[in-house]
Amino acid sequence: MSALPSAEHQSPSCGACGSETTFDGDDFVCEDCQLAFEPNYLNASFLNPEAEPCGSPCDNSWHGDHKIKRGFGYDCNPCQLPAGHESFHWTGCQSKPLTAAAGVVR
């Protein structure tokens, strides 16, 4: 009987862009997003602790009220990645139900 292949451990994907990270001996690193993920809990931090956040606003036109689902919109934030990142902007937008004051038509 032949031996079956062993599984191989892989680095986790970046939580912002989805790319595979590399391990630098201390952290998993995403060069495109300029983020470091600590190996135990995968908490993110800036590769350069002195970097400022990018701050670009969310530009997803589908995040307007009722665009994806009637009665829902999004809480959008500015890009939270470090300034100078080379990936798409990451704004951490969250879906939210709209209230009657926000124009929900029933």
PDB file of N, CA and C in Angstrom:
ATOM      1  N   MET A   1       0.850  -1.177   0.000  1.00  0.00           N
ATOM      2  CA  MET A   1       0.000   0.000   0.000  1.00  0.00           C
ATOM      3  C   MET A   1       0.896   1.242   0.000  1.00  0.00           C
ATOM      4  N   SER A   2       0.593   2.212  -0.878  1.00  0.00           N
ATOM      5  CA  SER A   2       1.400   3.429  -0.945  1.00  0.00           C
ATOM      6  C   SER A   2       0.949   4.424   0.131  1.00  0.00           C
ATOM      7  N   ALA A   3       1.879   5.225   0.570  1.00  0.00           N
ATOM      8  CA  ALA A   3       1.579   6.245   1.578  1.00  0.00           C
ATOM      9  C   ALA A   3       0.851   7.404   0.923  1.00  0.00           C
ATOM     10  N   LEU A   4      -0.116   7.924   1.605  1.00  0.00           N
ATOM     11  CA  LEU A   4      -0.844   9.093   1.099  1.00  0.00           C
ATOM     12  C   LEU A   4      -0.077  10.357   1.460  1.00  0.00           C
ATOM     13  N   PRO A   5      -0.280  11.429   0.714  1.00  0.00           N
ATOM     14  CA  PRO A   5       0.465  12.659   1.009  1.00  0.00           C
ATOM     15  C   PRO A   5      -0.010  13.292   2.315  1.00  0.00           C
ATOM     16  N   SER A   6       0.890  13.977   2.959  1.00  0.00           N
ATOM     17  CA  SER A   6       0.553  14.718   4.177  1.00  0.00           C
ATOM     18  C   SER A   6      -0.062  16.056   3.794  1.00  0.00           C
ATOM     19  N   ALA A   7      -0.848  16.604   4.689  1.00  0.00           N
ATOM     20  CA  ALA A   7      -1.386  17.942   4.490  1.00  0.00           C
ATOM     21  C   ALA A   7      -0.272  18.959   4.719  1.00  0.00           C
ATOM     22  N   GLU A   8      -0.431  20.125   4.130  1.00  0.00           N
ATOM     23  CA  GLU A   8       0.544  21.198   4.320  1.00  0.00           C
ATOM     24  C   GLU A   8      -0.145  22.378   4.971  1.00  0.00           C
ATOM     25  N   HIS A   9       0.517  22.957   5.972  1.00  0.00           N
ATOM     26  CA  HIS A   9      -0.005  24.159   6.609  1.00  0.00           C
ATOM     27  C   HIS A   9       0.128  25.331   5.642  1.00  0.00           C
ATOM     28  N   GLN A  10      -0.877  26.207   5.645  1.00  0.00           N
ATOM     29  CA  GLN A  10      -0.827  27.385   4.796  1.00  0.00           C
ATOM     30  C   GLN A  10      -0.942  28.627   5.661  1.00  0.00           C
ATOM     31  N   SER A  11      -0.380  29.703   5.162  1.00  0.00           N
ATOM     32  CA  SER A  11      -0.518  30.979   5.856  1.00  0.00           C
ATOM     33  C   SER A  11      -1.956  31.458   5.722  1.00  0.00           C
ATOM     34  N   PRO A  12      -2.468  32.180   6.716  1.00  0.00           N
ATOM     35  CA  PRO A  12      -3.846  32.676   6.619  1.00  0.00           C
ATOM     36  C   PRO A  12      -3.973  33.749   5.541  1.00  0.00           C
ATOM     37  N   SER A  13      -5.188  33.969   5.103  1.00  0.00           N
ATOM     38  CA  SER A  13      -5.469  35.033   4.139  1.00  0.00           C
ATOM     39  C   SER A  13      -5.615  36.353   4.869  1.00  0.00           C
ATOM     40  N   CYS A  14      -5.258  37.423   4.197  1.00  0.00           N
ATOM     41  CA  CYS A  14      -5.417  38.768   4.751  1.00  0.00           C
ATOM     42  C   CYS A  14      -6.908  39.056   4.928  1.00  0.00           C
ATOM     43  N   GLY A  15      -7.281  39.586   6.065  1.00  0.00           N
ATOM     44  CA  GLY A  15      -8.670  39.899   6.348  1.00  0.00           C
ATOM     45  C   GLY A  15      -9.207  41.077   5.557  1.00  0.00           C
ATOM     46  N   ALA A  16      -8.327  41.875   4.956  1.00  0.00           N
ATOM     47  CA  ALA A  16      -8.777  43.033   4.182  1.00  0.00           C
ATOM     48  C   ALA A  16      -8.896  42.718   2.693  1.00  0.00           C
ATOM     49  N   CYS A  17      -7.868  42.099   2.106  1.00  0.00           N
ATOM     50  CA  CYS A  17      -7.873  41.890   0.655  1.00  0.00           C
ATOM     51  C   CYS A  17      -8.032  40.433   0.248  1.00  0.00           C
ATOM     52  N   GLY A  18      -7.872  39.502   1.195  1.00  0.00           N
ATOM     53  CA  GLY A  18      -8.031  38.087   0.886  1.00  0.00           C
ATOM     54  C   GLY A  18      -6.789  37.408   0.337  1.00  0.00           C
ATOM     55  N   SER A  19      -5.700  38.151   0.140  1.00  0.00           N
ATOM     56  CA  SER A  19      -4.466  37.560  -0.362  1.00  0.00           C
ATOM     57  C   SER A  19      -3.799  36.716   0.713  1.00  0.00           C
ATOM     58  N   GLU A  20      -2.983  35.763   0.273  1.00  0.00           N
ATOM     59  CA  GLU A  20      -2.230  34.952   1.221  1.00  0.00           C
ATOM     60  C   GLU A  20      -1.155  35.813   1.867  1.00  0.00           C
ATOM     61  N   THR A  21      -0.946  35.615   3.142  1.00  0.00           N
ATOM     62  CA  THR A  21       0.092  36.342   3.868  1.00  0.00           C
ATOM     63  C   THR A  21       1.384  35.520   3.863  1.00  0.00           C
ATOM     64  N   THR A  22       2.478  36.155   4.267  1.00  0.00           N
ATOM     65  CA  THR A  22       3.749  35.465   4.471  1.00  0.00           C
ATOM     66  C   THR A  22       4.126  35.605   5.936  1.00  0.00           C
ATOM     67  N   PHE A  23       4.880  34.660   6.447  1.00  0.00           N
ATOM     68  CA  PHE A  23       5.296  34.708   7.851  1.00  0.00           C
ATOM     69  C   PHE A  23       6.712  35.251   7.909  1.00  0.00           C
ATOM     70  N   ASP A  24       6.905  36.323   8.675  1.00  0.00           N
ATOM     71  CA  ASP A  24       8.226  36.958   8.760  1.00  0.00           C
ATOM     72  C   ASP A  24       9.023  36.519   9.991  1.00  0.00           C
ATOM     73  N   GLY A  25       8.553  35.497  10.683  1.00  0.00           N
ATOM     74  CA  GLY A  25       9.221  35.034  11.892  1.00  0.00           C
ATOM     75  C   GLY A  25       8.508  35.486  13.153  1.00  0.00           C
ATOM     76  N   ASP A  26       7.749  36.578  13.046  1.00  0.00           N
ATOM     77  CA  ASP A  26       6.977  37.096  14.178  1.00  0.00           C
ATOM     78  C   ASP A  26       5.482  37.172  13.853  1.00  0.00           C
ATOM     79  N   ASP A  27       5.159  37.648  12.664  1.00  0.00           N
ATOM     80  CA  ASP A  27       3.775  37.911  12.270  1.00  0.00           C
ATOM     81  C   ASP A  27       3.513  37.393  10.863  1.00  0.00           C
ATOM     82  N   PHE A  28       2.227  37.217  10.539  1.00  0.00           N
ATOM     83  CA  PHE A  28       1.809  36.998   9.162  1.00  0.00           C
ATOM     84  C   PHE A  28       1.636  38.382   8.546  1.00  0.00           C
ATOM     85  N   VAL A  29       2.202  38.585   7.375  1.00  0.00           N
ATOM     86  CA  VAL A  29       2.289  39.919   6.784  1.00  0.00           C
ATOM     87  C   VAL A  29       1.582  39.967   5.434  1.00  0.00           C
ATOM     88  N   CYS A  30       0.783  41.023   5.232  1.00  0.00           N
ATOM     89  CA  CYS A  30       0.226  41.337   3.914  1.00  0.00           C
ATOM     90  C   CYS A  30       0.920  42.605   3.436  1.00  0.00           C
ATOM     91  N   GLU A  31       1.795  42.451   2.443  1.00  0.00           N
ATOM     92  CA  GLU A  31       2.547  43.597   1.921  1.00  0.00           C
ATOM     93  C   GLU A  31       1.624  44.600   1.222  1.00  0.00           C
ATOM     94  N   ASP A  32       0.612  44.099   0.487  1.00  0.00           N
ATOM     95  CA  ASP A  32      -0.284  45.002  -0.245  1.00  0.00           C
ATOM     96  C   ASP A  32      -1.075  45.910   0.685  1.00  0.00           C
ATOM     97  N   CYS A  33      -1.562  45.350   1.781  1.00  0.00           N
ATOM     98  CA  CYS A  33      -2.368  46.134   2.729  1.00  0.00           C
ATOM     99  C   CYS A  33      -1.533  46.787   3.819  1.00  0.00           C
ATOM    100  N   GLN A  34      -0.266  46.404   3.901  1.00  0.00           N
ATOM    101  CA  GLN A  34       0.645  46.923   4.921  1.00  0.00           C
ATOM    102  C   GLN A  34       0.180  46.581   6.334  1.00  0.00           C
ATOM    103  N   LEU A  35      -0.332  45.343   6.480  1.00  0.00           N
ATOM    104  CA  LEU A  35      -0.811  44.872   7.778  1.00  0.00           C
ATOM    105  C   LEU A  35       0.011  43.684   8.259  1.00  0.00           C
ATOM    106  N   ALA A  36       0.135  43.584   9.592  1.00  0.00           N
ATOM    107  CA  ALA A  36       0.752  42.435  10.250  1.00  0.00           C
ATOM    108  C   ALA A  36      -0.323  41.783  11.118  1.00  0.00           C
ATOM    109  N   PHE A  37      -0.397  40.460  11.083  1.00  0.00           N
ATOM    110  CA  PHE A  37      -1.353  39.709  11.893  1.00  0.00           C
ATOM    111  C   PHE A  37      -0.567  38.845  12.869  1.00  0.00           C
ATOM    112  N   GLU A  38      -0.802  39.049  14.173  1.00  0.00           N
ATOM    113  CA  GLU A  38      -0.067  38.247  15.154  1.00  0.00           C
ATOM    114  C   GLU A  38      -0.537  36.797  15.044  1.00  0.00           C
ATOM    115  N   PRO A  39       0.356  35.839  15.260  1.00  0.00           N
ATOM    116  CA  PRO A  39       0.044  34.449  14.934  1.00  0.00           C
ATOM    117  C   PRO A  39      -0.973  33.745  15.821  1.00  0.00           C
ATOM    118  N   ASN A  40      -1.169  34.166  17.051  1.00  0.00           N
ATOM    119  CA  ASN A  40      -2.080  33.435  17.942  1.00  0.00           C
ATOM    120  C   ASN A  40      -3.549  33.730  17.679  1.00  0.00           C
ATOM    121  N   TYR A  41      -3.913  34.989  17.584  1.00  0.00           N
ATOM    122  CA  TYR A  41      -5.317  35.368  17.416  1.00  0.00           C
ATOM    123  C   TYR A  41      -5.582  36.082  16.100  1.00  0.00           C
ATOM    124  N   LEU A  42      -4.527  36.312  15.313  1.00  0.00           N
ATOM    125  CA  LEU A  42      -4.603  36.967  14.006  1.00  0.00           C
ATOM    126  C   LEU A  42      -5.120  38.401  14.094  1.00  0.00           C
ATOM    127  N   ASN A  43      -4.876  39.071  15.219  1.00  0.00           N
ATOM    128  CA  ASN A  43      -5.224  40.488  15.341  1.00  0.00           C
ATOM    129  C   ASN A  43      -4.318  41.298  14.426  1.00  0.00           C
ATOM    130  N   ALA A  44      -4.884  42.300  13.772  1.00  0.00           N
ATOM    131  CA  ALA A  44      -4.136  43.101  12.806  1.00  0.00           C
ATOM    132  C   ALA A  44      -3.523  44.334  13.448  1.00  0.00           C
ATOM    133  N   SER A  45      -2.398  44.744  12.879  1.00  0.00           N
ATOM    134  CA  SER A  45      -1.765  46.018  13.226  1.00  0.00           C
ATOM    135  C   SER A  45      -1.053  46.518  11.973  1.00  0.00           C
ATOM    136  N   PHE A  46      -0.721  47.799  11.969  1.00  0.00           N
ATOM    137  CA  PHE A  46       0.015  48.376  10.844  1.00  0.00           C
ATOM    138  C   PHE A  46       1.445  47.830  10.862  1.00  0.00           C
ATOM    139  N   LEU A  47       1.997  47.522   9.669  1.00  0.00           N
ATOM    140  CA  LEU A  47       3.407  47.139   9.602  1.00  0.00           C
ATOM    141  C   LEU A  47       4.282  48.270  10.125  1.00  0.00           C
ATOM    142  N   ASN A  48       3.940  49.480   9.761  1.00  0.00           N
ATOM    143  CA  ASN A  48       4.648  50.662  10.252  1.00  0.00           C
ATOM    144  C   ASN A  48       3.764  51.307  11.318  1.00  0.00           C
ATOM    145  N   PRO A  49       4.119  51.174  12.600  1.00  0.00           N
ATOM    146  CA  PRO A  49       3.271  51.710  13.663  1.00  0.00           C
ATOM    147  C   PRO A  49       3.097  53.233  13.610  1.00  0.00           C
ATOM    148  N   GLU A  50       3.951  53.913  12.856  1.00  0.00           N
ATOM    149  CA  GLU A  50       3.853  55.372  12.747  1.00  0.00           C
ATOM    150  C   GLU A  50       2.982  55.815  11.570  1.00  0.00           C
ATOM    151  N   ALA A  51       2.516  54.872  10.765  1.00  0.00           N
ATOM    152  CA  ALA A  51       1.688  55.216   9.601  1.00  0.00           C
ATOM    153  C   ALA A  51       0.327  55.748  10.049  1.00  0.00           C
ATOM    154  N   GLU A  52      -0.210  56.639   9.261  1.00  0.00           N
ATOM    155  CA  GLU A  52      -1.554  57.178   9.480  1.00  0.00           C
ATOM    156  C   GLU A  52      -2.551  56.356   8.678  1.00  0.00           C
ATOM    157  N   PRO A  53      -3.814  56.282   9.109  1.00  0.00           N
ATOM    158  CA  PRO A  53      -4.824  55.592   8.300  1.00  0.00           C
ATOM    159  C   PRO A  53      -5.030  56.293   6.954  1.00  0.00           C
ATOM    160  N   CYS A  54      -5.375  55.519   5.948  1.00  0.00           N
ATOM    161  CA  CYS A  54      -5.602  56.039   4.589  1.00  0.00           C
ATOM    162  C   CYS A  54      -6.705  57.097   4.589  1.00  0.00           C
ATOM    163  N   GLY A  55      -7.871  56.763   5.124  1.00  0.00           N
ATOM    164  CA  GLY A  55      -8.957  57.728   5.249  1.00  0.00           C
ATOM    165  C   GLY A  55      -9.821  57.939   4.019  1.00  0.00           C
ATOM    166  N   SER A  56      -9.583  57.227   2.911  1.00  0.00           N
ATOM    167  CA  SER A  56     -10.434  57.400   1.733  1.00  0.00           C
ATOM    168  C   SER A  56     -11.855  56.951   2.056  1.00  0.00           C
ATOM    169  N   PRO A  57     -12.862  57.718   1.603  1.00  0.00           N
ATOM    170  CA  PRO A  57     -14.250  57.348   1.906  1.00  0.00           C
ATOM    171  C   PRO A  57     -14.691  56.117   1.118  1.00  0.00           C
ATOM    172  N   CYS A  58     -15.711  55.443   1.619  1.00  0.00           N
ATOM    173  CA  CYS A  58     -16.300  54.323   0.902  1.00  0.00           C
ATOM    174  C   CYS A  58     -16.858  54.848  -0.422  1.00  0.00           C
ATOM    175  N   ASP A  59     -16.513  54.178  -1.517  1.00  0.00           N
ATOM    176  CA  ASP A  59     -17.005  54.607  -2.825  1.00  0.00           C
ATOM    177  C   ASP A  59     -17.877  53.539  -3.486  1.00  0.00           C
ATOM    178  N   ASN A  60     -18.417  52.623  -2.671  1.00  0.00           N
ATOM    179  CA  ASN A  60     -19.263  51.566  -3.202  1.00  0.00           C
ATOM    180  C   ASN A  60     -20.675  52.125  -3.411  1.00  0.00           C
ATOM    181  N   SER A  61     -21.049  52.319  -4.657  1.00  0.00           N
ATOM    182  CA  SER A  61     -22.362  52.909  -4.970  1.00  0.00           C
ATOM    183  C   SER A  61     -23.513  51.990  -4.546  1.00  0.00           C
ATOM    184  N   TRP A  62     -23.244  50.731  -4.308  1.00  0.00           N
ATOM    185  CA  TRP A  62     -24.285  49.802  -3.863  1.00  0.00           C
ATOM    186  C   TRP A  62     -24.562  49.915  -2.373  1.00  0.00           C
ATOM    187  N   HIS A  63     -23.829  50.737  -1.648  1.00  0.00           N
ATOM    188  CA  HIS A  63     -24.042  50.881  -0.212  1.00  0.00           C
ATOM    189  C   HIS A  63     -25.075  51.955   0.132  1.00  0.00           C
ATOM    190  N   GLY A  64     -25.738  52.511  -0.846  1.00  0.00           N
ATOM    191  CA  GLY A  64     -26.811  53.465  -0.592  1.00  0.00           C
ATOM    192  C   GLY A  64     -28.047  52.769  -0.046  1.00  0.00           C
ATOM    193  N   ASP A  65     -28.932  53.532   0.555  1.00  0.00           N
ATOM    194  CA  ASP A  65     -30.167  52.989   1.118  1.00  0.00           C
ATOM    195  C   ASP A  65     -30.984  52.284   0.036  1.00  0.00           C
ATOM    196  N   HIS A  66     -31.467  51.095   0.336  1.00  0.00           N
ATOM    197  CA  HIS A  66     -32.343  50.274  -0.512  1.00  0.00           C
ATOM    198  C   HIS A  66     -31.663  49.767  -1.791  1.00  0.00           C
ATOM    199  N   LYS A  67     -30.348  49.918  -1.951  1.00  0.00           N
ATOM    200  CA  LYS A  67     -29.678  49.510  -3.195  1.00  0.00           C
ATOM    201  C   LYS A  67     -29.560  48.004  -3.322  1.00  0.00           C
ATOM    202  N   ILE A  68     -29.233  47.321  -2.238  1.00  0.00           N
ATOM    203  CA  ILE A  68     -29.062  45.870  -2.293  1.00  0.00           C
ATOM    204  C   ILE A  68     -30.329  45.172  -1.815  1.00  0.00           C
ATOM    205  N   LYS A  69     -30.909  45.681  -0.751  1.00  0.00           N
ATOM    206  CA  LYS A  69     -32.130  45.085  -0.204  1.00  0.00           C
ATOM    207  C   LYS A  69     -33.015  46.204   0.334  1.00  0.00           C
ATOM    208  N   ARG A  70     -34.264  46.191  -0.043  1.00  0.00           N
ATOM    209  CA  ARG A  70     -35.218  47.205   0.408  1.00  0.00           C
ATOM    210  C   ARG A  70     -35.257  47.212   1.939  1.00  0.00           C
ATOM    211  N   GLY A  71     -35.174  48.397   2.532  1.00  0.00           N
ATOM    212  CA  GLY A  71     -35.213  48.541   3.976  1.00  0.00           C
ATOM    213  C   GLY A  71     -33.855  48.436   4.653  1.00  0.00           C
ATOM    214  N   PHE A  72     -32.791  48.306   3.853  1.00  0.00           N
ATOM    215  CA  PHE A  72     -31.446  48.194   4.412  1.00  0.00           C
ATOM    216  C   PHE A  72     -30.503  49.180   3.742  1.00  0.00           C
ATOM    217  N   GLY A  73     -29.512  49.596   4.492  1.00  0.00           N
ATOM    218  CA  GLY A  73     -28.447  50.454   4.002  1.00  0.00           C
ATOM    219  C   GLY A  73     -27.142  49.989   4.620  1.00  0.00           C
ATOM    220  N   TYR A  74     -26.160  50.880   4.703  1.00  0.00           N
ATOM    221  CA  TYR A  74     -24.850  50.537   5.258  1.00  0.00           C
ATOM    222  C   TYR A  74     -24.330  51.656   6.130  1.00  0.00           C
ATOM    223  N   ASP A  75     -23.652  51.273   7.193  1.00  0.00           N
ATOM    224  CA  ASP A  75     -22.822  52.190   7.958  1.00  0.00           C
ATOM    225  C   ASP A  75     -21.440  52.074   7.344  1.00  0.00           C
ATOM    226  N   CYS A  76     -20.997  53.120   6.684  1.00  0.00           N
ATOM    227  CA  CYS A  76     -19.701  53.098   6.008  1.00  0.00           C
ATOM    228  C   CYS A  76     -18.696  53.946   6.777  1.00  0.00           C
ATOM    229  N   ASN A  77     -17.455  53.562   6.673  1.00  0.00           N
ATOM    230  CA  ASN A  77     -16.359  54.248   7.337  1.00  0.00           C
ATOM    231  C   ASN A  77     -15.311  54.612   6.301  1.00  0.00           C
ATOM    232  N   PRO A  78     -14.385  55.506   6.637  1.00  0.00           N
ATOM    233  CA  PRO A  78     -13.244  55.734   5.742  1.00  0.00           C
ATOM    234  C   PRO A  78     -12.313  54.521   5.775  1.00  0.00           C
ATOM    235  N   CYS A  79     -11.444  54.402   4.782  1.00  0.00           N
ATOM    236  CA  CYS A  79     -10.495  53.295   4.708  1.00  0.00           C
ATOM    237  C   CYS A  79      -9.625  53.289   5.961  1.00  0.00           C
ATOM    238  N   GLN A  80      -9.544  52.119   6.572  1.00  0.00           N
ATOM    239  CA  GLN A  80      -8.818  51.985   7.824  1.00  0.00           C
ATOM    240  C   GLN A  80      -7.425  51.391   7.649  1.00  0.00           C
ATOM    241  N   LEU A  81      -7.029  51.107   6.408  1.00  0.00           N
ATOM    242  CA  LEU A  81      -5.690  50.595   6.149  1.00  0.00           C
ATOM    243  C   LEU A  81      -4.675  51.730   6.246  1.00  0.00           C
ATOM    244  N   PRO A  82      -3.388  51.402   6.398  1.00  0.00           N
ATOM    245  CA  PRO A  82      -2.379  52.454   6.479  1.00  0.00           C
ATOM    246  C   PRO A  82      -2.273  53.223   5.161  1.00  0.00           C
ATOM    247  N   ALA A  83      -2.010  54.509   5.258  1.00  0.00           N
ATOM    248  CA  ALA A  83      -1.780  55.324   4.064  1.00  0.00           C
ATOM    249  C   ALA A  83      -0.644  54.694   3.263  1.00  0.00           C
ATOM    250  N   GLY A  84      -0.783  54.666   1.946  1.00  0.00           N
ATOM    251  CA  GLY A  84       0.228  54.087   1.075  1.00  0.00           C
ATOM    252  C   GLY A  84       0.018  52.617   0.754  1.00  0.00           C
ATOM    253  N   HIS A  85      -1.073  52.029   1.257  1.00  0.00           N
ATOM    254  CA  HIS A  85      -1.324  50.619   0.928  1.00  0.00           C
ATOM    255  C   HIS A  85      -1.570  50.490  -0.563  1.00  0.00           C
ATOM    256  N   GLU A  86      -1.329  49.297  -1.115  1.00  0.00           N
ATOM    257  CA  GLU A  86      -1.471  49.079  -2.560  1.00  0.00           C
ATOM    258  C   GLU A  86      -2.693  48.244  -2.907  1.00  0.00           C
ATOM    259  N   SER A  87      -3.480  47.866  -1.923  1.00  0.00           N
ATOM    260  CA  SER A  87      -4.675  47.062  -2.160  1.00  0.00           C
ATOM    261  C   SER A  87      -5.888  47.976  -2.307  1.00  0.00           C
ATOM    262  N   PHE A  88      -7.048  47.358  -2.489  1.00  0.00           N
ATOM    263  CA  PHE A  88      -8.288  48.121  -2.485  1.00  0.00           C
ATOM    264  C   PHE A  88      -8.471  48.742  -1.105  1.00  0.00           C
ATOM    265  N   HIS A  89      -9.285  49.778  -1.036  1.00  0.00           N
ATOM    266  CA  HIS A  89      -9.587  50.382   0.264  1.00  0.00           C
ATOM    267  C   HIS A  89     -10.450  49.429   1.075  1.00  0.00           C
ATOM    268  N   TRP A  90     -10.228  49.395   2.386  1.00  0.00           N
ATOM    269  CA  TRP A  90     -11.031  48.578   3.281  1.00  0.00           C
ATOM    270  C   TRP A  90     -11.728  49.500   4.268  1.00  0.00           C
ATOM    271  N   THR A  91     -13.055  49.554   4.181  1.00  0.00           N
ATOM    272  CA  THR A  91     -13.815  50.493   4.999  1.00  0.00           C
ATOM    273  C   THR A  91     -14.627  49.819   6.095  1.00  0.00           C
ATOM    274  N   GLY A  92     -14.699  48.511   6.103  1.00  0.00           N
ATOM    275  CA  GLY A  92     -15.414  47.800   7.162  1.00  0.00           C
ATOM    276  C   GLY A  92     -16.901  48.114   7.212  1.00  0.00           C
ATOM    277  N   CYS A  93     -17.513  48.357   6.070  1.00  0.00           N
ATOM    278  CA  CYS A  93     -18.931  48.717   6.011  1.00  0.00           C
ATOM    279  C   CYS A  93     -19.805  47.586   6.560  1.00  0.00           C
ATOM    280  N   GLN A  94     -20.848  47.951   7.289  1.00  0.00           N
ATOM    281  CA  GLN A  94     -21.754  46.985   7.899  1.00  0.00           C
ATOM    282  C   GLN A  94     -23.193  47.274   7.469  1.00  0.00           C
ATOM    283  N   SER A  95     -23.898  46.237   7.058  1.00  0.00           N
ATOM    284  CA  SER A  95     -25.306  46.368   6.690  1.00  0.00           C
ATOM    285  C   SER A  95     -26.122  46.737   7.923  1.00  0.00           C
ATOM    286  N   LYS A  96     -27.172  47.558   7.700  1.00  0.00           N
ATOM    287  CA  LYS A  96     -28.033  47.954   8.821  1.00  0.00           C
ATOM    288  C   LYS A  96     -29.465  48.117   8.328  1.00  0.00           C
ATOM    289  N   PRO A  97     -30.433  47.766   9.169  1.00  0.00           N
ATOM    290  CA  PRO A  97     -31.829  48.040   8.813  1.00  0.00           C
ATOM    291  C   PRO A  97     -32.083  49.537   8.926  1.00  0.00           C
ATOM    292  N   LEU A  98     -32.894  50.058   8.033  1.00  0.00           N
ATOM    293  CA  LEU A  98     -33.221  51.476   8.059  1.00  0.00           C
ATOM    294  C   LEU A  98     -34.435  51.720   8.945  1.00  0.00           C
ATOM    295  N   THR A  99     -34.499  52.891   9.546  1.00  0.00           N
ATOM    296  CA  THR A  99     -35.651  53.257  10.380  1.00  0.00           C
ATOM    297  C   THR A  99     -36.645  54.025   9.534  1.00  0.00           C
ATOM    298  N   ALA A 100     -37.839  54.235  10.068  1.00  0.00           N
ATOM    299  CA  ALA A 100     -38.878  54.996   9.362  1.00  0.00           C
ATOM    300  C   ALA A 100     -38.371  56.410   9.035  1.00  0.00           C
ATOM    301  N   ALA A 101     -37.554  56.975   9.916  1.00  0.00           N
ATOM    302  CA  ALA A 101     -37.018  58.318   9.686  1.00  0.00           C
ATOM    303  C   ALA A 101     -36.061  58.334   8.500  1.00  0.00           C
ATOM    304  N   ALA A 102     -35.464  57.177   8.160  1.00  0.00           N
ATOM    305  CA  ALA A 102     -34.529  57.112   7.044  1.00  0.00           C
ATOM    306  C   ALA A 102     -35.235  56.818   5.728  1.00  0.00           C
ATOM    307  N   GLY A 103     -36.539  56.763   5.733  1.00  0.00           N
ATOM    308  CA  GLY A 103     -37.275  56.622   4.488  1.00  0.00           C
ATOM    309  C   GLY A 103     -37.683  55.214   4.121  1.00  0.00           C
ATOM    310  N   VAL A 104     -37.856  54.344   5.067  1.00  0.00           N
ATOM    311  CA  VAL A 104     -38.313  52.996   4.749  1.00  0.00           C
ATOM    312  C   VAL A 104     -39.787  53.067   4.363  1.00  0.00           C
ATOM    313  N   VAL A 105     -40.095  52.535   3.203  1.00  0.00           N
ATOM    314  CA  VAL A 105     -41.475  52.503   2.725  1.00  0.00           C
ATOM    315  C   VAL A 105     -41.997  51.097   2.970  1.00  0.00           C
ATOM    316  N   ARG A 106     -43.120  51.009   3.649  1.00  0.00           N
ATOM    317  CA  ARG A 106     -43.674  49.687   3.941  1.00  0.00           C
ATOM    318  C   ARG A 106     -44.842  49.400   3.037  1.00  0.00           C
TER     319      ARG A 106
END
